[in-house]
């Protein structure tokens, strides 16, 4: 029996078992935040209807966890539902998160194009990066997007990045580095088709190892560079 560590709505890590997920699958009730997170980790496609039901209600954490779980499960049929709920959602963070997830469900290129549009809402653009703080299995297009996004962050080449607070800048870069350090991401970067992205990323990592504002970012950049440079 598998056990999954997941966060509940209070931000506390709890343990969820396969038995818990099986019990949840026996009904059609909305899932708690921790069950939604565990369902994403376990790739429980039989809980998709429960996850869709979890997108409504007053629990922000549960709704965000459910949306990211649907993204991890590649439930592209949920795009219209997410966009419809975003239109009526009063919580702007949830509404923009739903739009960010729906955009990525249309494919990595859709996310890349929306991120790079100077007119995109800054919070929505950041949430496109936050999508990767999830159990989504990256495709090669995601790798390309993340490397380009990291370049935008470093160069501050989008209007909203030029004035972004230091802590939000650090958070975005941290999320990108974490996503690119994923085992699947590293494998894709080391493939022949990833040569251009790998070379661009290695250059950016060299620059980030001297980042003066956050030691963790410098350490993460150095660690990823070492992995990508290894024979």
C-alpha atoms as a PDB file:
ATOM      1  CA  UNK A   1       0.000   0.000   0.000  1.00  0.00           C
ATOM      2  CA  UNK A   2       1.368   3.398  -1.010  1.00  0.00           C
ATOM      3  CA  UNK A   3       1.427   6.344   1.402  1.00  0.00           C
ATOM      4  CA  UNK A   4       1.442   9.945   0.169  1.00  0.00           C
ATOM      5  CA  UNK A   5       2.497  13.063   2.076  1.00  0.00           C
ATOM      6  CA  UNK A   6       0.059  15.884   1.266  1.00  0.00           C
ATOM      7  CA  UNK A   7      -0.853  19.280   2.698  1.00  0.00           C
ATOM      8  CA  UNK A   8      -4.285  19.980   4.137  1.00  0.00           C
ATOM      9  CA  UNK A   9      -6.119  23.310   4.069  1.00  0.00           C
ATOM     10  CA  UNK A  10      -4.225  24.459   7.172  1.00  0.00           C
ATOM     11  CA  UNK A  11      -0.872  23.891   5.496  1.00  0.00           C
ATOM     12  CA  UNK A  12      -0.114  20.865   7.660  1.00  0.00           C
ATOM     13  CA  UNK A  13       1.487  17.803   6.079  1.00  0.00           C
ATOM     14  CA  UNK A  14      -0.604  14.671   6.548  1.00  0.00           C
ATOM     15  CA  UNK A  15      -0.334  11.105   5.289  1.00  0.00           C
ATOM     16  CA  UNK A  16      -2.871   9.690   2.829  1.00  0.00           C
ATOM     17  CA  UNK A  17      -3.020   6.009   1.903  1.00  0.00           C
ATOM     18  CA  UNK A  18      -4.302   4.158  -1.131  1.00  0.00           C
ATOM     19  CA  UNK A  19      -7.114   2.968   1.108  1.00  0.00           C
ATOM     20  CA  UNK A  20      -8.134   6.586   1.763  1.00  0.00           C
ATOM     21  CA  UNK A  21      -8.200   7.256  -1.974  1.00  0.00           C
ATOM     22  CA  UNK A  22     -10.201   4.103  -2.634  1.00  0.00           C
ATOM     23  CA  UNK A  23     -12.741   5.162  -0.002  1.00  0.00           C
ATOM     24  CA  UNK A  24     -13.037   8.582  -1.670  1.00  0.00           C
ATOM     25  CA  UNK A  25     -13.540   6.963  -5.079  1.00  0.00           C
ATOM     26  CA  UNK A  26     -16.531   5.040  -3.726  1.00  0.00           C
ATOM     27  CA  UNK A  27     -18.567   8.257  -3.630  1.00  0.00           C
ATOM     28  CA  UNK A  28     -18.948  11.465  -5.637  1.00  0.00           C
ATOM     29  CA  UNK A  29     -18.217  13.912  -2.816  1.00  0.00           C
ATOM     30  CA  UNK A  30     -15.697  16.748  -3.180  1.00  0.00           C
ATOM     31  CA  UNK A  31     -12.209  15.929  -1.931  1.00  0.00           C
ATOM     32  CA  UNK A  32     -10.279  17.666   0.815  1.00  0.00           C
ATOM     33  CA  UNK A  33      -7.088  19.489  -0.177  1.00  0.00           C
ATOM     34  CA  UNK A  34      -4.925  16.609   1.030  1.00  0.00           C
ATOM     35  CA  UNK A  35      -6.951  13.997  -0.829  1.00  0.00           C
ATOM     36  CA  UNK A  36      -6.762  16.091  -4.008  1.00  0.00           C
ATOM     37  CA  UNK A  37      -2.987  16.363  -3.674  1.00  0.00           C
ATOM     38  CA  UNK A  38      -2.639  12.633  -3.023  1.00  0.00           C
ATOM     39  CA  UNK A  39      -4.907  11.832  -5.975  1.00  0.00           C
ATOM     40  CA  UNK A  40      -2.529  13.788  -8.209  1.00  0.00           C
ATOM     41  CA  UNK A  41       0.491  11.924  -6.847  1.00  0.00           C
ATOM     42  CA  UNK A  42      -1.210   8.547  -7.297  1.00  0.00           C
ATOM     43  CA  UNK A  43      -2.520   9.403 -10.801  1.00  0.00           C
ATOM     44  CA  UNK A  44      -6.053   8.471  -9.706  1.00  0.00           C
ATOM     45  CA  UNK A  45      -8.056   9.184 -12.845  1.00  0.00           C
ATOM     46  CA  UNK A  46     -11.058   7.532 -11.196  1.00  0.00           C
ATOM     47  CA  UNK A  47     -11.245  10.581  -8.901  1.00  0.00           C
ATOM     48  CA  UNK A  48     -11.571  13.137 -11.694  1.00  0.00           C
ATOM     49  CA  UNK A  49     -15.287  13.672 -11.068  1.00  0.00           C
ATOM     50  CA  UNK A  50     -14.579  14.210  -7.369  1.00  0.00           C
ATOM     51  CA  UNK A  51     -11.844  16.689  -8.236  1.00  0.00           C
ATOM     52  CA  UNK A  52     -14.138  18.617 -10.544  1.00  0.00           C
ATOM     53  CA  UNK A  53     -16.698  18.821  -7.718  1.00  0.00           C
ATOM     54  CA  UNK A  54     -13.924  20.139  -5.460  1.00  0.00           C
ATOM     55  CA  UNK A  55     -13.467  23.263  -7.619  1.00  0.00           C
ATOM     56  CA  UNK A  56     -16.503  24.882  -5.988  1.00  0.00           C
ATOM     57  CA  UNK A  57     -17.115  26.015  -2.414  1.00  0.00           C
ATOM     58  CA  UNK A  58     -15.426  28.295   0.107  1.00  0.00           C
ATOM     59  CA  UNK A  59     -12.144  26.453   0.705  1.00  0.00           C
ATOM     60  CA  UNK A  60      -9.481  28.226  -1.372  1.00  0.00           C
ATOM     61  CA  UNK A  61      -6.780  25.663  -0.648  1.00  0.00           C
ATOM     62  CA  UNK A  62      -9.027  22.782  -1.676  1.00  0.00           C
ATOM     63  CA  UNK A  63      -9.999  24.486  -4.932  1.00  0.00           C
ATOM     64  CA  UNK A  64      -6.393  25.243  -5.841  1.00  0.00           C
ATOM     65  CA  UNK A  65      -5.299  21.696  -4.985  1.00  0.00           C
ATOM     66  CA  UNK A  66      -8.127  20.240  -7.079  1.00  0.00           C
ATOM     67  CA  UNK A  67      -7.242  22.386 -10.099  1.00  0.00           C
ATOM     68  CA  UNK A  68      -3.581  21.364  -9.950  1.00  0.00           C
ATOM     69  CA  UNK A  69      -4.578  17.733  -9.510  1.00  0.00           C
ATOM     70  CA  UNK A  70      -6.702  17.910 -12.649  1.00  0.00           C
ATOM     71  CA  UNK A  71      -3.697  19.421 -14.414  1.00  0.00           C
ATOM     72  CA  UNK A  72      -1.472  16.562 -13.231  1.00  0.00           C
ATOM     73  CA  UNK A  73      -4.078  14.081 -14.461  1.00  0.00           C
ATOM     74  CA  UNK A  74      -4.215  15.878 -17.837  1.00  0.00           C
ATOM     75  CA  UNK A  75      -7.998  16.285 -17.650  1.00  0.00           C
ATOM     76  CA  UNK A  76      -8.234  18.497 -20.715  1.00  0.00           C
ATOM     77  CA  UNK A  77     -11.999  18.065 -20.748  1.00  0.00           C
ATOM     78  CA  UNK A  78     -12.041  20.276 -17.642  1.00  0.00           C
ATOM     79  CA  UNK A  79     -10.789  23.355 -19.528  1.00  0.00           C
ATOM     80  CA  UNK A  80     -14.251  24.773 -20.191  1.00  0.00           C
ATOM     81  CA  UNK A  81     -15.326  24.078 -16.595  1.00  0.00           C
ATOM     82  CA  UNK A  82     -12.305  25.896 -15.180  1.00  0.00           C
ATOM     83  CA  UNK A  83     -12.828  28.882 -17.478  1.00  0.00           C
ATOM     84  CA  UNK A  84     -16.528  29.027 -16.640  1.00  0.00           C
ATOM     85  CA  UNK A  85     -15.841  28.918 -12.898  1.00  0.00           C
ATOM     86  CA  UNK A  86     -13.145  31.584 -13.289  1.00  0.00           C
ATOM     87  CA  UNK A  87     -15.769  33.917 -14.785  1.00  0.00           C
ATOM     88  CA  UNK A  88     -17.932  33.716 -11.643  1.00  0.00           C
ATOM     89  CA  UNK A  89     -15.265  33.163  -8.958  1.00  0.00           C
ATOM     90  CA  UNK A  90     -15.101  36.082  -6.483  1.00  0.00           C
ATOM     91  CA  UNK A  91     -11.664  35.111  -5.159  1.00  0.00           C
ATOM     92  CA  UNK A  92      -9.300  36.675  -7.694  1.00  0.00           C
ATOM     93  CA  UNK A  93      -6.418  34.352  -6.793  1.00  0.00           C
ATOM     94  CA  UNK A  94      -8.585  31.293  -7.420  1.00  0.00           C
ATOM     95  CA  UNK A  95     -10.024  32.759 -10.620  1.00  0.00           C
ATOM     96  CA  UNK A  96      -6.590  33.508 -12.058  1.00  0.00           C
ATOM     97  CA  UNK A  97      -5.274  30.128 -10.914  1.00  0.00           C
ATOM     98  CA  UNK A  98      -8.111  28.409 -12.768  1.00  0.00           C
ATOM     99  CA  UNK A  99      -7.247  30.402 -15.898  1.00  0.00           C
ATOM    100  CA  UNK A 100      -3.553  29.543 -15.541  1.00  0.00           C
ATOM    101  CA  UNK A 101      -4.328  25.831 -15.220  1.00  0.00           C
ATOM    102  CA  UNK A 102      -6.800  25.922 -18.126  1.00  0.00           C
ATOM    103  CA  UNK A 103      -4.170  27.645 -20.276  1.00  0.00           C
ATOM    104  CA  UNK A 104      -1.559  24.964 -19.580  1.00  0.00           C
ATOM    105  CA  UNK A 105      -4.148  22.262 -20.270  1.00  0.00           C
ATOM    106  CA  UNK A 106      -4.250  23.630 -23.815  1.00  0.00           C
ATOM    107  CA  UNK A 107      -0.536  22.827 -24.036  1.00  0.00           C
ATOM    108  CA  UNK A 108       2.857  24.284 -23.031  1.00  0.00           C
ATOM    109  CA  UNK A 109       2.909  26.607 -26.036  1.00  0.00           C
ATOM    110  CA  UNK A 110      -0.327  28.267 -24.912  1.00  0.00           C
ATOM    111  CA  UNK A 111       1.241  28.911 -21.514  1.00  0.00           C
ATOM    112  CA  UNK A 112       4.438  30.235 -23.099  1.00  0.00           C
ATOM    113  CA  UNK A 113       2.578  32.634 -25.371  1.00  0.00           C
ATOM    114  CA  UNK A 114       0.399  34.020 -22.573  1.00  0.00           C
ATOM    115  CA  UNK A 115       3.405  34.458 -20.264  1.00  0.00           C
ATOM    116  CA  UNK A 116       5.397  36.339 -22.907  1.00  0.00           C
ATOM    117  CA  UNK A 117       2.531  38.703 -23.808  1.00  0.00           C
ATOM    118  CA  UNK A 118       3.387  42.109 -22.294  1.00  0.00           C
ATOM    119  CA  UNK A 119      -0.311  42.753 -21.704  1.00  0.00           C
ATOM    120  CA  UNK A 120      -0.877  39.625 -19.600  1.00  0.00           C
ATOM    121  CA  UNK A 121      -1.931  40.316 -16.019  1.00  0.00           C
ATOM    122  CA  UNK A 122       1.257  40.005 -13.898  1.00  0.00           C
ATOM    123  CA  UNK A 123      -0.342  37.750 -11.300  1.00  0.00           C
ATOM    124  CA  UNK A 124      -1.693  35.450 -14.004  1.00  0.00           C
ATOM    125  CA  UNK A 125       1.770  35.305 -15.593  1.00  0.00           C
ATOM    126  CA  UNK A 126       3.306  34.308 -12.255  1.00  0.00           C
ATOM    127  CA  UNK A 127       0.629  31.656 -11.774  1.00  0.00           C
ATOM    128  CA  UNK A 128       1.591  30.125 -15.126  1.00  0.00           C
ATOM    129  CA  UNK A 129       4.974  29.441 -13.512  1.00  0.00           C
ATOM    130  CA  UNK A 130       3.316  28.322 -10.267  1.00  0.00           C
ATOM    131  CA  UNK A 131       1.526  25.588 -12.264  1.00  0.00           C
ATOM    132  CA  UNK A 132       4.783  23.660 -12.068  1.00  0.00           C
ATOM    133  CA  UNK A 133       4.648  23.634  -8.268  1.00  0.00           C
ATOM    134  CA  UNK A 134       2.526  20.533  -8.665  1.00  0.00           C
ATOM    135  CA  UNK A 135       2.673  16.917  -9.737  1.00  0.00           C
ATOM    136  CA  UNK A 136       2.506  17.746 -13.435  1.00  0.00           C
ATOM    137  CA  UNK A 137       4.827  15.569 -15.491  1.00  0.00           C
ATOM    138  CA  UNK A 138       6.647  18.007 -17.771  1.00  0.00           C
ATOM    139  CA  UNK A 139       6.727  17.648 -21.532  1.00  0.00           C
ATOM    140  CA  UNK A 140       9.540  18.984 -23.678  1.00  0.00           C
ATOM    141  CA  UNK A 141       7.437  22.087 -24.416  1.00  0.00           C
ATOM    142  CA  UNK A 142       7.302  22.784 -20.686  1.00  0.00           C
ATOM    143  CA  UNK A 143      11.092  22.689 -20.523  1.00  0.00           C
ATOM    144  CA  UNK A 144      11.354  25.153 -23.372  1.00  0.00           C
ATOM    145  CA  UNK A 145       8.823  27.461 -21.682  1.00  0.00           C
ATOM    146  CA  UNK A 146      10.577  27.333 -18.297  1.00  0.00           C
ATOM    147  CA  UNK A 147      13.990  28.133 -19.760  1.00  0.00           C
ATOM    148  CA  UNK A 148      12.529  31.067 -21.685  1.00  0.00           C
ATOM    149  CA  UNK A 149      10.654  32.224 -18.573  1.00  0.00           C
ATOM    150  CA  UNK A 150      13.855  32.059 -16.520  1.00  0.00           C
ATOM    151  CA  UNK A 151      15.535  34.238 -19.139  1.00  0.00           C
ATOM    152  CA  UNK A 152      12.717  36.768 -18.851  1.00  0.00           C
ATOM    153  CA  UNK A 153      13.083  36.774 -15.074  1.00  0.00           C
ATOM    154  CA  UNK A 154      16.829  37.295 -15.249  1.00  0.00           C
ATOM    155  CA  UNK A 155      16.653  40.026 -17.884  1.00  0.00           C
ATOM    156  CA  UNK A 156      13.444  41.523 -16.422  1.00  0.00           C
ATOM    157  CA  UNK A 157      12.402  41.809 -20.057  1.00  0.00           C
ATOM    158  CA  UNK A 158       8.644  42.031 -19.447  1.00  0.00           C
ATOM    159  CA  UNK A 159       7.035  45.233 -18.104  1.00  0.00           C
ATOM    160  CA  UNK A 160       5.800  43.658 -14.861  1.00  0.00           C
ATOM    161  CA  UNK A 161       9.150  42.021 -14.163  1.00  0.00           C
ATOM    162  CA  UNK A 162      10.894  45.385 -14.227  1.00  0.00           C
ATOM    163  CA  UNK A 163       9.068  46.465 -11.071  1.00  0.00           C
ATOM    164  CA  UNK A 164       8.485  43.092  -9.378  1.00  0.00           C
ATOM    165  CA  UNK A 165       9.221  42.946  -5.648  1.00  0.00           C
ATOM    166  CA  UNK A 166      12.406  41.094  -4.753  1.00  0.00           C
ATOM    167  CA  UNK A 167      10.611  38.380  -2.785  1.00  0.00           C
ATOM    168  CA  UNK A 168       8.220  37.653  -5.673  1.00  0.00           C
ATOM    169  CA  UNK A 169      11.125  37.612  -8.127  1.00  0.00           C
ATOM    170  CA  UNK A 170      12.983  35.152  -5.918  1.00  0.00           C
ATOM    171  CA  UNK A 171       9.876  32.981  -5.585  1.00  0.00           C
ATOM    172  CA  UNK A 172       9.385  32.804  -9.353  1.00  0.00           C
ATOM    173  CA  UNK A 173      13.019  31.885  -9.995  1.00  0.00           C
ATOM    174  CA  UNK A 174      12.914  29.312  -7.201  1.00  0.00           C
ATOM    175  CA  UNK A 175       9.832  27.638  -8.714  1.00  0.00           C
ATOM    176  CA  UNK A 176      11.429  27.526 -12.161  1.00  0.00           C
ATOM    177  CA  UNK A 177      14.651  26.015 -10.837  1.00  0.00           C
ATOM    178  CA  UNK A 178      12.708  23.435  -8.826  1.00  0.00           C
ATOM    179  CA  UNK A 179      10.679  22.450 -11.893  1.00  0.00           C
ATOM    180  CA  UNK A 180      13.779  22.158 -14.079  1.00  0.00           C
ATOM    181  CA  UNK A 181      15.474  20.010 -11.427  1.00  0.00           C
ATOM    182  CA  UNK A 182      12.729  17.386 -11.684  1.00  0.00           C
ATOM    183  CA  UNK A 183      14.119  14.028 -12.831  1.00  0.00           C
ATOM    184  CA  UNK A 184      11.958  14.072 -15.960  1.00  0.00           C
ATOM    185  CA  UNK A 185      13.009  17.643 -16.764  1.00  0.00           C
ATOM    186  CA  UNK A 186      16.687  16.809 -16.389  1.00  0.00           C
ATOM    187  CA  UNK A 187      16.292  13.792 -18.671  1.00  0.00           C
ATOM    188  CA  UNK A 188      14.587  15.920 -21.332  1.00  0.00           C
ATOM    189  CA  UNK A 189      17.277  18.594 -21.079  1.00  0.00           C
ATOM    190  CA  UNK A 190      19.992  15.990 -21.579  1.00  0.00           C
ATOM    191  CA  UNK A 191      18.384  14.672 -24.770  1.00  0.00           C
ATOM    192  CA  UNK A 192      19.797  15.763 -28.131  1.00  0.00           C
ATOM    193  CA  UNK A 193      16.695  17.817 -28.939  1.00  0.00           C
ATOM    194  CA  UNK A 194      17.218  19.782 -25.710  1.00  0.00           C
ATOM    195  CA  UNK A 195      20.727  20.965 -26.632  1.00  0.00           C
ATOM    196  CA  UNK A 196      19.765  24.593 -27.295  1.00  0.00           C
ATOM    197  CA  UNK A 197      17.644  24.826 -24.145  1.00  0.00           C
ATOM    198  CA  UNK A 198      20.382  23.156 -22.089  1.00  0.00           C
ATOM    199  CA  UNK A 199      23.070  25.579 -23.307  1.00  0.00           C
ATOM    200  CA  UNK A 200      20.837  28.596 -22.628  1.00  0.00           C
ATOM    201  CA  UNK A 201      19.969  27.248 -19.204  1.00  0.00           C
ATOM    202  CA  UNK A 202      23.600  26.549 -18.295  1.00  0.00           C
ATOM    203  CA  UNK A 203      24.443  30.165 -19.116  1.00  0.00           C
ATOM    204  CA  UNK A 204      21.628  31.423 -16.899  1.00  0.00           C
ATOM    205  CA  UNK A 205      22.643  29.062 -14.096  1.00  0.00           C
ATOM    206  CA  UNK A 206      26.196  30.434 -14.238  1.00  0.00           C
ATOM    207  CA  UNK A 207      24.781  33.909 -13.725  1.00  0.00           C
ATOM    208  CA  UNK A 208      22.445  32.823 -10.939  1.00  0.00           C
ATOM    209  CA  UNK A 209      25.184  31.141  -8.928  1.00  0.00           C
ATOM    210  CA  UNK A 210      26.379  34.672  -8.164  1.00  0.00           C
ATOM    211  CA  UNK A 211      22.864  35.876  -7.284  1.00  0.00           C
ATOM    212  CA  UNK A 212      23.355  38.243  -4.331  1.00  0.00           C
ATOM    213  CA  UNK A 213      19.834  38.253  -2.934  1.00  0.00           C
ATOM    214  CA  UNK A 214      19.092  34.628  -2.047  1.00  0.00           C
ATOM    215  CA  UNK A 215      21.637  31.963  -1.103  1.00  0.00           C
ATOM    216  CA  UNK A 216      19.115  29.190  -1.781  1.00  0.00           C
ATOM    217  CA  UNK A 217      18.712  30.317  -5.391  1.00  0.00           C
ATOM    218  CA  UNK A 218      22.485  30.381  -5.882  1.00  0.00           C
ATOM    219  CA  UNK A 219      22.787  26.919  -4.344  1.00  0.00           C
ATOM    220  CA  UNK A 220      19.925  25.482  -6.416  1.00  0.00           C
ATOM    221  CA  UNK A 221      21.411  26.972  -9.583  1.00  0.00           C
ATOM    222  CA  UNK A 222      24.837  25.492  -8.815  1.00  0.00           C
ATOM    223  CA  UNK A 223      23.299  22.097  -8.039  1.00  0.00           C
ATOM    224  CA  UNK A 224      21.297  21.975 -11.271  1.00  0.00           C
ATOM    225  CA  UNK A 225      24.300  23.115 -13.285  1.00  0.00           C
ATOM    226  CA  UNK A 226      26.379  20.298 -11.831  1.00  0.00           C
ATOM    227  CA  UNK A 227      23.719  17.723 -12.748  1.00  0.00           C
ATOM    228  CA  UNK A 228      23.395  18.990 -16.305  1.00  0.00           C
ATOM    229  CA  UNK A 229      27.172  19.187 -16.780  1.00  0.00           C
ATOM    230  CA  UNK A 230      27.860  15.678 -15.526  1.00  0.00           C
ATOM    231  CA  UNK A 231      28.909  13.072 -18.074  1.00  0.00           C
END
